[in-house]
Amino acid sequence: MTSSKAAENRPAPTSRARVLAAAERLLARGEAGFSMRELAAEAGLSFATPFNLFGSKLAIMRALSAERIAAMEAQFRALPP
């Protein structure tokens, strides 16, 4: 199976995941002051979608932080005692 075929068979990321991934990309580029409009454009979603999903930029940052913490906790749990 070619990589393009594999990509076609993978489920599309949810809008929530796209918003969080876009926020991460913007933050990684040093654009912490991004607007919700910029975030929606980066995610390839309508302007209203981040608001409908999260309600505010603060809620997006909290969700992103929670995901990062959960990933770190999983890594620590996987370490030998």
Protein backbone atom coordinates (compact mmCIF):
# COMPACT_ATOMS: atom_id res chain seq x y z
CA MET A 1 0.00 0.00 0.00
CA THR A 2 1.45 3.37 -0.96
CA SER A 3 1.69 6.14 1.59
CA SER A 4 -1.04 8.10 -0.20
CA LYS A 5 -3.35 5.06 -0.02
CA ALA A 6 -2.54 4.68 3.69
CA ALA A 7 -3.38 8.33 4.23
CA GLU A 8 -6.69 7.88 2.42
CA ASN A 9 -7.62 5.01 4.75
CA ARG A 10 -6.87 6.92 7.96
CA PRO A 11 -9.83 8.68 9.52
CA ALA A 12 -9.76 12.44 9.24
CA PRO A 13 -8.88 14.22 12.48
CA THR A 14 -11.87 15.59 14.31
CA SER A 15 -12.47 19.32 14.30
CA ARG A 16 -11.45 19.40 17.96
CA ALA A 17 -8.14 17.71 17.15
CA ARG A 18 -7.60 20.07 14.21
CA VAL A 19 -8.12 23.12 16.43
CA LEU A 20 -5.70 21.82 19.05
CA ALA A 21 -3.09 20.86 16.44
CA ALA A 22 -3.40 24.30 14.85
CA ALA A 23 -2.96 25.98 18.23
CA GLU A 24 0.17 23.90 18.81
CA ARG A 25 1.60 24.87 15.43
CA LEU A 26 0.93 28.56 16.04
CA LEU A 27 2.52 28.38 19.49
CA ALA A 28 5.54 26.51 18.09
CA ARG A 29 6.05 29.36 15.62
CA GLY A 30 6.05 31.82 18.52
CA GLU A 31 2.62 33.23 17.67
CA ALA A 32 1.12 33.09 21.17
CA GLY A 33 -0.98 36.17 20.45
CA PHE A 34 -2.87 34.51 17.61
CA SER A 35 -6.50 35.41 17.06
CA MET A 36 -9.35 32.93 16.90
CA ARG A 37 -9.70 33.86 13.22
CA GLU A 38 -6.03 32.96 12.62
CA LEU A 39 -6.51 29.73 14.56
CA ALA A 40 -9.55 28.75 12.49
CA ALA A 41 -7.67 29.50 9.26
CA GLU A 42 -4.66 27.45 10.43
CA ALA A 43 -6.99 24.55 11.24
CA GLY A 44 -8.79 24.88 7.90
CA LEU A 45 -12.12 25.36 9.64
CA SER A 46 -14.78 28.05 9.69
CA PHE A 47 -14.28 31.00 11.99
CA ALA A 48 -17.09 29.83 14.28
CA THR A 49 -15.83 26.27 14.79
CA PRO A 50 -13.24 26.95 17.54
CA PHE A 51 -15.82 29.03 19.40
CA ASN A 52 -18.49 26.34 19.03
CA LEU A 53 -16.12 23.62 20.27
CA PHE A 54 -14.34 25.45 23.09
CA GLY A 55 -16.01 28.81 23.74
CA SER A 56 -12.77 30.74 24.24
CA LYS A 57 -9.06 30.83 23.56
CA LEU A 58 -8.45 30.14 27.26
CA ALA A 59 -10.47 26.92 27.01
CA ILE A 60 -8.39 25.88 23.99
CA MET A 61 -5.16 26.50 25.94
CA ARG A 62 -6.53 24.49 28.87
CA ALA A 63 -7.47 21.57 26.60
CA LEU A 64 -4.05 21.68 24.94
CA SER A 65 -2.35 21.71 28.35
CA ALA A 66 -4.49 18.80 29.56
CA GLU A 67 -3.53 16.75 26.49
CA ARG A 68 0.17 17.47 27.00
CA ILE A 69 -0.04 16.52 30.68
CA ALA A 70 -1.90 13.29 29.86
CA ALA A 71 0.78 12.36 27.30
CA MET A 72 3.57 13.00 29.82
CA GLU A 73 1.76 10.96 32.49
CA ALA A 74 1.44 8.06 30.06
CA GLN A 75 5.16 8.21 29.33
CA PHE A 76 6.00 8.22 33.05
CA ARG A 77 3.67 5.26 33.69
CA ALA A 78 5.43 3.31 30.95
CA LEU A 79 8.83 3.71 32.68
CA PRO A 80 10.12 0.80 34.71
CA PRO A 81 9.88 1.23 38.50
